[in-house]
């Protein structure tokens, strides 16, 4: 877990996960969490959606890969996500266009669109993209390793992610709780969960599957973290 918060500080990073050192999910806090040798091992990045706190380090990771070891990374996401990232983050206006550097024939970043409910083998893992409820087009990912171990990361999501439970069977569920219960209506409006909303989604999982996987909560609102922790524990 490279980053699990909404805001960045000395003690907290933006959302990023790294599986076995080679497959990253979201790029909010990759380069600030990893050494250059660790970054060099990354083969692919999965994006859940285009918001800045989930995509920012695509630029810094690409810069390190392009300048330091002339590597190439494949970025997977919905077509909508890739279009926004290309237009707003990788357009070459603020920094080098790593979709064309060092050459258009062999760029540092290669973008590959995925479809909801599609399966793809990526970096040796079975990856299933599952639609997620959010304020913009988004997907979560179920990642299954060759030995059958699996996790599902929802990305940013809100009430209704439970509509997708029948598509997945993870041993680990990584899901968001962005704020405390007193902000529930506002969180729903912006496509997020609080602890009470999460409880209802998890109850639907248990009714459907007969059990609950281990659950890890991320995308935590930093100023409310103690309050969120107490509510999740309840």
C-alpha atoms as a PDB file:
ATOM      1  CA  UNK A   1       0.000   0.000   0.000  1.00  0.00           C
ATOM      2  CA  UNK A   2       1.992   2.976  -1.273  1.00  0.00           C
ATOM      3  CA  UNK A   3      -0.662   5.593  -0.564  1.00  0.00           C
ATOM      4  CA  UNK A   4      -4.070   5.490   1.114  1.00  0.00           C
ATOM      5  CA  UNK A   5      -5.152   9.102   1.616  1.00  0.00           C
ATOM      6  CA  UNK A   6      -6.933  11.919  -0.196  1.00  0.00           C
ATOM      7  CA  UNK A   7      -4.320  14.538   0.681  1.00  0.00           C
ATOM      8  CA  UNK A   8      -0.546  14.397   0.629  1.00  0.00           C
ATOM      9  CA  UNK A   9       1.703  15.330   3.533  1.00  0.00           C
ATOM     10  CA  UNK A  10       4.948  14.148   5.074  1.00  0.00           C
ATOM     11  CA  UNK A  11       3.047  11.287   6.696  1.00  0.00           C
ATOM     12  CA  UNK A  12       0.497  10.460   3.981  1.00  0.00           C
ATOM     13  CA  UNK A  13       0.501   9.760   0.251  1.00  0.00           C
ATOM     14  CA  UNK A  14      -2.132   9.783  -2.458  1.00  0.00           C
ATOM     15  CA  UNK A  15      -3.753   6.549  -3.585  1.00  0.00           C
ATOM     16  CA  UNK A  16      -1.434   3.897  -5.020  1.00  0.00           C
ATOM     17  CA  UNK A  17      -1.102   0.136  -4.644  1.00  0.00           C
ATOM     18  CA  UNK A  18       1.761  -2.070  -5.765  1.00  0.00           C
ATOM     19  CA  UNK A  19       1.422  -5.822  -6.228  1.00  0.00           C
ATOM     20  CA  UNK A  20       4.568  -7.921  -5.875  1.00  0.00           C
ATOM     21  CA  UNK A  21       6.665  -4.956  -6.905  1.00  0.00           C
ATOM     22  CA  UNK A  22       5.623  -5.085 -10.578  1.00  0.00           C
ATOM     23  CA  UNK A  23       1.956  -4.134 -11.027  1.00  0.00           C
ATOM     24  CA  UNK A  24       0.747  -0.733  -9.825  1.00  0.00           C
ATOM     25  CA  UNK A  25      -2.885   0.260  -9.358  1.00  0.00           C
ATOM     26  CA  UNK A  26      -3.414   4.011  -9.525  1.00  0.00           C
ATOM     27  CA  UNK A  27      -0.545   6.457  -9.582  1.00  0.00           C
ATOM     28  CA  UNK A  28      -1.183   8.995  -6.863  1.00  0.00           C
ATOM     29  CA  UNK A  29       1.904   8.287  -4.781  1.00  0.00           C
ATOM     30  CA  UNK A  30       4.257   5.916  -6.585  1.00  0.00           C
ATOM     31  CA  UNK A  31       7.508   7.811  -6.976  1.00  0.00           C
ATOM     32  CA  UNK A  32       7.475   9.405  -3.522  1.00  0.00           C
ATOM     33  CA  UNK A  33       7.144   5.933  -1.978  1.00  0.00           C
ATOM     34  CA  UNK A  34       9.697   3.944  -3.982  1.00  0.00           C
ATOM     35  CA  UNK A  35      13.407   4.053  -4.701  1.00  0.00           C
ATOM     36  CA  UNK A  36      14.562   4.200  -8.311  1.00  0.00           C
ATOM     37  CA  UNK A  37      15.488   0.478  -8.344  1.00  0.00           C
ATOM     38  CA  UNK A  38      12.006  -0.327  -7.006  1.00  0.00           C
ATOM     39  CA  UNK A  39      10.355   1.858  -9.635  1.00  0.00           C
ATOM     40  CA  UNK A  40      12.368   0.151 -12.368  1.00  0.00           C
ATOM     41  CA  UNK A  41      10.660  -3.166 -11.556  1.00  0.00           C
ATOM     42  CA  UNK A  42       7.176  -1.829 -12.364  1.00  0.00           C
ATOM     43  CA  UNK A  43       5.878  -3.300 -15.621  1.00  0.00           C
ATOM     44  CA  UNK A  44       2.366  -1.846 -15.836  1.00  0.00           C
ATOM     45  CA  UNK A  45      -0.017   0.634 -14.223  1.00  0.00           C
ATOM     46  CA  UNK A  46      -3.789   0.186 -13.927  1.00  0.00           C
ATOM     47  CA  UNK A  47      -5.845   3.361 -13.521  1.00  0.00           C
ATOM     48  CA  UNK A  48      -9.287   3.264 -11.930  1.00  0.00           C
ATOM     49  CA  UNK A  49     -10.270   6.740 -13.189  1.00  0.00           C
ATOM     50  CA  UNK A  50      -8.733  10.034 -14.273  1.00  0.00           C
ATOM     51  CA  UNK A  51      -8.794  12.173 -11.110  1.00  0.00           C
ATOM     52  CA  UNK A  52      -5.459  13.812 -10.317  1.00  0.00           C
ATOM     53  CA  UNK A  53      -4.939  12.116  -6.956  1.00  0.00           C
ATOM     54  CA  UNK A  54      -4.971   8.771  -8.793  1.00  0.00           C
ATOM     55  CA  UNK A  55      -2.883   9.713 -11.843  1.00  0.00           C
ATOM     56  CA  UNK A  56      -0.358  12.375 -10.811  1.00  0.00           C
ATOM     57  CA  UNK A  57       2.752  10.203 -10.631  1.00  0.00           C
ATOM     58  CA  UNK A  58       2.377   8.891 -14.164  1.00  0.00           C
ATOM     59  CA  UNK A  59       4.507  11.879 -15.145  1.00  0.00           C
ATOM     60  CA  UNK A  60       7.226  11.442 -12.518  1.00  0.00           C
ATOM     61  CA  UNK A  61       7.338   7.664 -12.992  1.00  0.00           C
ATOM     62  CA  UNK A  62       7.631   8.123 -16.751  1.00  0.00           C
ATOM     63  CA  UNK A  63      10.371  10.716 -16.284  1.00  0.00           C
ATOM     64  CA  UNK A  64      12.394   8.336 -14.142  1.00  0.00           C
ATOM     65  CA  UNK A  65      11.839   5.435 -16.537  1.00  0.00           C
ATOM     66  CA  UNK A  66      12.636   7.523 -19.601  1.00  0.00           C
ATOM     67  CA  UNK A  67      15.696   9.302 -18.261  1.00  0.00           C
ATOM     68  CA  UNK A  68      17.259   6.748 -15.927  1.00  0.00           C
ATOM     69  CA  UNK A  69      16.805   3.362 -17.578  1.00  0.00           C
ATOM     70  CA  UNK A  70      15.078   4.024 -20.914  1.00  0.00           C
ATOM     71  CA  UNK A  71      12.225   1.758 -19.900  1.00  0.00           C
ATOM     72  CA  UNK A  72       8.685   1.411 -21.178  1.00  0.00           C
ATOM     73  CA  UNK A  73       5.503   1.192 -19.117  1.00  0.00           C
ATOM     74  CA  UNK A  74       2.049   0.120 -20.233  1.00  0.00           C
ATOM     75  CA  UNK A  75      -0.871   2.039 -18.717  1.00  0.00           C
ATOM     76  CA  UNK A  76      -4.295   0.358 -18.748  1.00  0.00           C
ATOM     77  CA  UNK A  77      -7.574   2.185 -18.180  1.00  0.00           C
ATOM     78  CA  UNK A  78     -10.973   2.951 -19.643  1.00  0.00           C
ATOM     79  CA  UNK A  79     -10.813   4.806 -22.950  1.00  0.00           C
ATOM     80  CA  UNK A  80     -12.411   7.840 -21.277  1.00  0.00           C
ATOM     81  CA  UNK A  81      -9.733   7.826 -18.575  1.00  0.00           C
ATOM     82  CA  UNK A  82      -6.927   7.576 -21.112  1.00  0.00           C
ATOM     83  CA  UNK A  83      -8.405  10.400 -23.186  1.00  0.00           C
ATOM     84  CA  UNK A  84      -8.571  12.766 -20.208  1.00  0.00           C
ATOM     85  CA  UNK A  85      -5.087  11.833 -18.997  1.00  0.00           C
ATOM     86  CA  UNK A  86      -3.696  12.357 -22.499  1.00  0.00           C
ATOM     87  CA  UNK A  87      -5.365  15.749 -22.901  1.00  0.00           C
ATOM     88  CA  UNK A  88      -4.651  17.128 -19.432  1.00  0.00           C
ATOM     89  CA  UNK A  89      -1.589  15.381 -17.994  1.00  0.00           C
ATOM     90  CA  UNK A  90       0.430  13.929 -20.868  1.00  0.00           C
ATOM     91  CA  UNK A  91      -0.141  16.614 -23.501  1.00  0.00           C
ATOM     92  CA  UNK A  92       3.440  17.898 -23.473  1.00  0.00           C
ATOM     93  CA  UNK A  93       2.518  21.416 -22.340  1.00  0.00           C
ATOM     94  CA  UNK A  94       3.620  21.227 -18.716  1.00  0.00           C
ATOM     95  CA  UNK A  95       6.383  18.670 -19.259  1.00  0.00           C
ATOM     96  CA  UNK A  96       7.751  16.301 -21.868  1.00  0.00           C
ATOM     97  CA  UNK A  97       5.190  14.207 -23.725  1.00  0.00           C
ATOM     98  CA  UNK A  98       6.145  10.703 -22.630  1.00  0.00           C
ATOM     99  CA  UNK A  99       3.772   9.237 -25.200  1.00  0.00           C
ATOM    100  CA  UNK A 100       6.358  10.333 -27.781  1.00  0.00           C
ATOM    101  CA  UNK A 101       9.604  10.431 -25.779  1.00  0.00           C
ATOM    102  CA  UNK A 102      12.261   9.318 -26.544  1.00  0.00           C
ATOM    103  CA  UNK A 103      10.689   8.469 -29.919  1.00  0.00           C
ATOM    104  CA  UNK A 104       7.169   8.007 -31.225  1.00  0.00           C
ATOM    105  CA  UNK A 105       8.102   4.456 -32.235  1.00  0.00           C
ATOM    106  CA  UNK A 106       9.291   3.544 -28.739  1.00  0.00           C
ATOM    107  CA  UNK A 107       7.704   5.900 -26.201  1.00  0.00           C
ATOM    108  CA  UNK A 108       8.147   5.663 -22.453  1.00  0.00           C
ATOM    109  CA  UNK A 109       4.392   5.285 -21.907  1.00  0.00           C
ATOM    110  CA  UNK A 110       2.078   3.065 -23.922  1.00  0.00           C
ATOM    111  CA  UNK A 111      -1.663   3.432 -23.332  1.00  0.00           C
ATOM    112  CA  UNK A 112      -4.018   0.480 -23.696  1.00  0.00           C
ATOM    113  CA  UNK A 113      -7.780   0.784 -23.292  1.00  0.00           C
ATOM    114  CA  UNK A 114      -9.771  -1.808 -21.387  1.00  0.00           C
ATOM    115  CA  UNK A 115     -13.491  -2.526 -21.373  1.00  0.00           C
ATOM    116  CA  UNK A 116     -15.681  -3.059 -18.302  1.00  0.00           C
ATOM    117  CA  UNK A 117     -16.107  -6.755 -17.454  1.00  0.00           C
ATOM    118  CA  UNK A 118     -13.122  -7.636 -19.626  1.00  0.00           C
ATOM    119  CA  UNK A 119     -10.328  -9.972 -18.542  1.00  0.00           C
ATOM    120  CA  UNK A 120      -6.713  -9.496 -19.507  1.00  0.00           C
ATOM    121  CA  UNK A 121      -3.405 -11.069 -18.565  1.00  0.00           C
ATOM    122  CA  UNK A 122      -1.161  -8.256 -17.337  1.00  0.00           C
ATOM    123  CA  UNK A 123       2.322  -8.775 -15.879  1.00  0.00           C
ATOM    124  CA  UNK A 124       1.432 -12.409 -15.217  1.00  0.00           C
ATOM    125  CA  UNK A 125      -1.832 -11.677 -13.366  1.00  0.00           C
ATOM    126  CA  UNK A 126      -5.425 -12.250 -14.384  1.00  0.00           C
ATOM    127  CA  UNK A 127      -7.012  -8.785 -14.306  1.00  0.00           C
ATOM    128  CA  UNK A 128     -10.783  -8.298 -14.348  1.00  0.00           C
ATOM    129  CA  UNK A 129     -12.072  -4.739 -14.801  1.00  0.00           C
ATOM    130  CA  UNK A 130     -15.373  -4.142 -12.991  1.00  0.00           C
ATOM    131  CA  UNK A 131     -17.504  -0.967 -13.328  1.00  0.00           C
ATOM    132  CA  UNK A 132     -17.440   1.228 -10.222  1.00  0.00           C
ATOM    133  CA  UNK A 133     -19.944   3.866  -9.137  1.00  0.00           C
ATOM    134  CA  UNK A 134     -18.238   7.265  -8.989  1.00  0.00           C
ATOM    135  CA  UNK A 135     -18.652  10.848 -10.192  1.00  0.00           C
ATOM    136  CA  UNK A 136     -16.747  10.049 -13.406  1.00  0.00           C
ATOM    137  CA  UNK A 137     -16.381   6.834 -15.436  1.00  0.00           C
ATOM    138  CA  UNK A 138     -14.427   4.394 -13.288  1.00  0.00           C
ATOM    139  CA  UNK A 139     -13.564   0.748 -12.799  1.00  0.00           C
ATOM    140  CA  UNK A 140     -12.256  -1.388  -9.995  1.00  0.00           C
ATOM    141  CA  UNK A 141      -9.916  -4.311 -10.544  1.00  0.00           C
ATOM    142  CA  UNK A 142      -9.899  -7.889  -9.351  1.00  0.00           C
ATOM    143  CA  UNK A 143      -6.318  -9.121  -9.523  1.00  0.00           C
ATOM    144  CA  UNK A 144      -5.669 -12.862  -9.353  1.00  0.00           C
ATOM    145  CA  UNK A 145      -2.149 -14.236  -9.099  1.00  0.00           C
ATOM    146  CA  UNK A 146      -1.043 -17.531 -10.690  1.00  0.00           C
ATOM    147  CA  UNK A 147      -1.484 -19.311  -7.336  1.00  0.00           C
ATOM    148  CA  UNK A 148      -5.132 -18.193  -7.132  1.00  0.00           C
ATOM    149  CA  UNK A 149      -4.695 -15.453  -4.530  1.00  0.00           C
ATOM    150  CA  UNK A 150      -6.986 -12.541  -5.363  1.00  0.00           C
ATOM    151  CA  UNK A 151      -7.871  -9.021  -4.289  1.00  0.00           C
ATOM    152  CA  UNK A 152     -10.417  -6.494  -5.471  1.00  0.00           C
ATOM    153  CA  UNK A 153      -9.682  -2.767  -5.381  1.00  0.00           C
ATOM    154  CA  UNK A 154     -12.766  -0.633  -5.903  1.00  0.00           C
ATOM    155  CA  UNK A 155     -10.994   2.671  -6.477  1.00  0.00           C
ATOM    156  CA  UNK A 156     -13.187   5.646  -5.594  1.00  0.00           C
ATOM    157  CA  UNK A 157     -16.775   4.471  -5.332  1.00  0.00           C
ATOM    158  CA  UNK A 158     -20.121   4.994  -3.663  1.00  0.00           C
ATOM    159  CA  UNK A 159     -23.468   3.344  -2.958  1.00  0.00           C
ATOM    160  CA  UNK A 160     -24.175   0.722  -5.611  1.00  0.00           C
ATOM    161  CA  UNK A 161     -20.745  -0.871  -5.930  1.00  0.00           C
ATOM    162  CA  UNK A 162     -22.480  -3.883  -4.385  1.00  0.00           C
ATOM    163  CA  UNK A 163     -24.277  -4.349  -7.722  1.00  0.00           C
ATOM    164  CA  UNK A 164     -20.955  -5.760  -8.923  1.00  0.00           C
ATOM    165  CA  UNK A 165     -20.342  -8.226  -6.083  1.00  0.00           C
ATOM    166  CA  UNK A 166     -21.619 -11.166  -8.124  1.00  0.00           C
ATOM    167  CA  UNK A 167     -18.777 -10.618 -10.624  1.00  0.00           C
ATOM    168  CA  UNK A 168     -15.969 -11.022  -8.076  1.00  0.00           C
ATOM    169  CA  UNK A 169     -14.718 -13.431  -5.401  1.00  0.00           C
ATOM    170  CA  UNK A 170     -11.714 -11.791  -3.738  1.00  0.00           C
ATOM    171  CA  UNK A 171      -9.898 -12.905  -0.618  1.00  0.00           C
ATOM    172  CA  UNK A 172      -9.058  -9.261   0.078  1.00  0.00           C
ATOM    173  CA  UNK A 173     -11.331  -6.273  -0.556  1.00  0.00           C
ATOM    174  CA  UNK A 174      -9.712  -2.824  -0.684  1.00  0.00           C
ATOM    175  CA  UNK A 175     -12.434  -0.188  -0.620  1.00  0.00           C
ATOM    176  CA  UNK A 176     -12.701   3.499   0.133  1.00  0.00           C
ATOM    177  CA  UNK A 177     -14.089   5.477   3.052  1.00  0.00           C
ATOM    178  CA  UNK A 178     -13.457   9.122   2.244  1.00  0.00           C
ATOM    179  CA  UNK A 179     -15.155  10.851   5.163  1.00  0.00           C
ATOM    180  CA  UNK A 180     -17.060  10.480   8.400  1.00  0.00           C
ATOM    181  CA  UNK A 181     -20.726   9.547   8.670  1.00  0.00           C
ATOM    182  CA  UNK A 182     -21.864  13.118   9.302  1.00  0.00           C
ATOM    183  CA  UNK A 183     -20.911  13.956   5.713  1.00  0.00           C
ATOM    184  CA  UNK A 184     -22.732  10.972   4.216  1.00  0.00           C
ATOM    185  CA  UNK A 185     -25.039  12.827   1.835  1.00  0.00           C
ATOM    186  CA  UNK A 186     -22.238  15.024   0.538  1.00  0.00           C
ATOM    187  CA  UNK A 187     -19.985  12.004   0.066  1.00  0.00           C
ATOM    188  CA  UNK A 188     -22.678  10.192  -1.928  1.00  0.00           C
ATOM    189  CA  UNK A 189     -23.117  13.274  -4.118  1.00  0.00           C
ATOM    190  CA  UNK A 190     -19.429  13.243  -5.028  1.00  0.00           C
ATOM    191  CA  UNK A 191     -19.231   9.478  -5.488  1.00  0.00           C
ATOM    192  CA  UNK A 192     -17.734   8.332  -2.184  1.00  0.00           C
ATOM    193  CA  UNK A 193     -18.517   6.263   0.917  1.00  0.00           C
ATOM    194  CA  UNK A 194     -18.596   6.770   4.658  1.00  0.00           C
ATOM    195  CA  UNK A 195     -18.484   3.943   7.212  1.00  0.00           C
ATOM    196  CA  UNK A 196     -22.265   3.572   7.464  1.00  0.00           C
ATOM    197  CA  UNK A 197     -22.641   3.391   3.680  1.00  0.00           C
ATOM    198  CA  UNK A 198     -19.782   0.896   3.527  1.00  0.00           C
ATOM    199  CA  UNK A 199     -21.564  -1.284   6.077  1.00  0.00           C
ATOM    200  CA  UNK A 200     -24.609  -1.617   3.834  1.00  0.00           C
ATOM    201  CA  UNK A 201     -22.457  -2.537   0.832  1.00  0.00           C
ATOM    202  CA  UNK A 202     -20.623  -5.176   2.885  1.00  0.00           C
ATOM    203  CA  UNK A 203     -23.869  -6.616   4.241  1.00  0.00           C
ATOM    204  CA  UNK A 204     -24.991  -7.138   0.658  1.00  0.00           C
ATOM    205  CA  UNK A 205     -21.704  -8.933  -0.047  1.00  0.00           C
ATOM    206  CA  UNK A 206     -22.235 -11.268   2.903  1.00  0.00           C
ATOM    207  CA  UNK A 207     -25.837 -11.989   1.965  1.00  0.00           C
ATOM    208  CA  UNK A 208     -24.743 -12.859  -1.569  1.00  0.00           C
ATOM    209  CA  UNK A 209     -21.548 -14.786  -0.804  1.00  0.00           C
ATOM    210  CA  UNK A 210     -22.183 -16.099   2.713  1.00  0.00           C
ATOM    211  CA  UNK A 211     -18.978 -14.565   4.054  1.00  0.00           C
ATOM    212  CA  UNK A 212     -16.874 -11.421   4.062  1.00  0.00           C
ATOM    213  CA  UNK A 213     -13.303 -11.198   2.791  1.00  0.00           C
ATOM    214  CA  UNK A 214     -10.684  -9.293   4.701  1.00  0.00           C
ATOM    215  CA  UNK A 215     -11.377  -5.573   4.199  1.00  0.00           C
ATOM    216  CA  UNK A 216      -8.879  -2.699   4.010  1.00  0.00           C
ATOM    217  CA  UNK A 217     -10.127   0.890   3.910  1.00  0.00           C
ATOM    218  CA  UNK A 218      -8.312   3.529   1.828  1.00  0.00           C
ATOM    219  CA  UNK A 219      -8.799   7.014   0.304  1.00  0.00           C
ATOM    220  CA  UNK A 220      -9.100   8.309   3.839  1.00  0.00           C
ATOM    221  CA  UNK A 221      -9.832  11.982   4.435  1.00  0.00           C
ATOM    222  CA  UNK A 222      -6.729  12.995   6.374  1.00  0.00           C
ATOM    223  CA  UNK A 223      -8.245  15.522   8.841  1.00  0.00           C
ATOM    224  CA  UNK A 224     -11.025  13.064   9.712  1.00  0.00           C
ATOM    225  CA  UNK A 225      -8.884   9.944  10.013  1.00  0.00           C
ATOM    226  CA  UNK A 226      -9.377   9.335  13.778  1.00  0.00           C
ATOM    227  CA  UNK A 227     -13.139   9.764  13.428  1.00  0.00           C
ATOM    228  CA  UNK A 228     -13.260   7.559  10.334  1.00  0.00           C
ATOM    229  CA  UNK A 229     -11.236   4.902  12.137  1.00  0.00           C
ATOM    230  CA  UNK A 230     -13.669   4.801  15.045  1.00  0.00           C
ATOM    231  CA  UNK A 231     -16.695   4.574  12.759  1.00  0.00           C
ATOM    232  CA  UNK A 232     -15.174   1.820  10.628  1.00  0.00           C
ATOM    233  CA  UNK A 233     -14.280  -0.153  13.762  1.00  0.00           C
ATOM    234  CA  UNK A 234     -17.911  -0.027  14.868  1.00  0.00           C
END
